[in-house]
Amino acid sequence: MLKPSLNRRKNELVGLVWIAAAVMSLLSLLSFSKADPSFHTAAIVPKVHNWVGPVGSHLTDLLFQVFGVASYLIPLALLWMGWTMFHSRDAVKTWVQAAGAGMFFFSAQAGLALMPYNLRFYEMFPAGGLVGGLVSDSLRGWLNRPGSVVFLGLVAIASRSEEHTSELQSRFGISYAVF
């Protein structure tokens, strides 16, 4: 998964593109303003305050609506992809690592959405975003709030330990039998 090519210069170029995307998305997230044109505002604004311009304003609004505060993890993931591609290494070695990262990302969103009070980010967006709200509502229907918190904590811990388990497997040749 996401393996670099044999051409080192191509890998460096692709890595720089990923790093540039990480920097642009981070600048966009950090400079978000409620007054900028976005999916929440209909008025024409003469000056955009977002450091990435109208594209950054709309992108940030979309990210905050869908993913909430966990949107700040996206530039970190993009930076990791760029750094590893720049150095011609595999960004994600196994599907287990990719699944673990996804589990952590979605459990963070759902955990933010499970807070007992209505936390709004920039007084506009739910902290867990749309996805976190959907996941937490589904979990609450099955497990109620305390059970959902325990389950999401377990998922977050398992997502990080799966990555370390696969790293141990690759370094020391440890394999597990599946029954």
Foldseek 3Di string as FASTA:
>chain_A
DQAADPDLVVLQVVLVVLLVVLVLLLQLQVQADPPADEPVDDDDDPDHRRPNPNVSNHVNVVCCQAAAPLSNCVSVLSNLSSVQSNVRHRSDDDVLLVVLVVLLSLLVLLLQLLPPDQDADVVHGGRSHPSSVVVNVVCCVPQNSVRSNVVSVVSNVVSVVSVVVVVCCVPVVDDDDDD
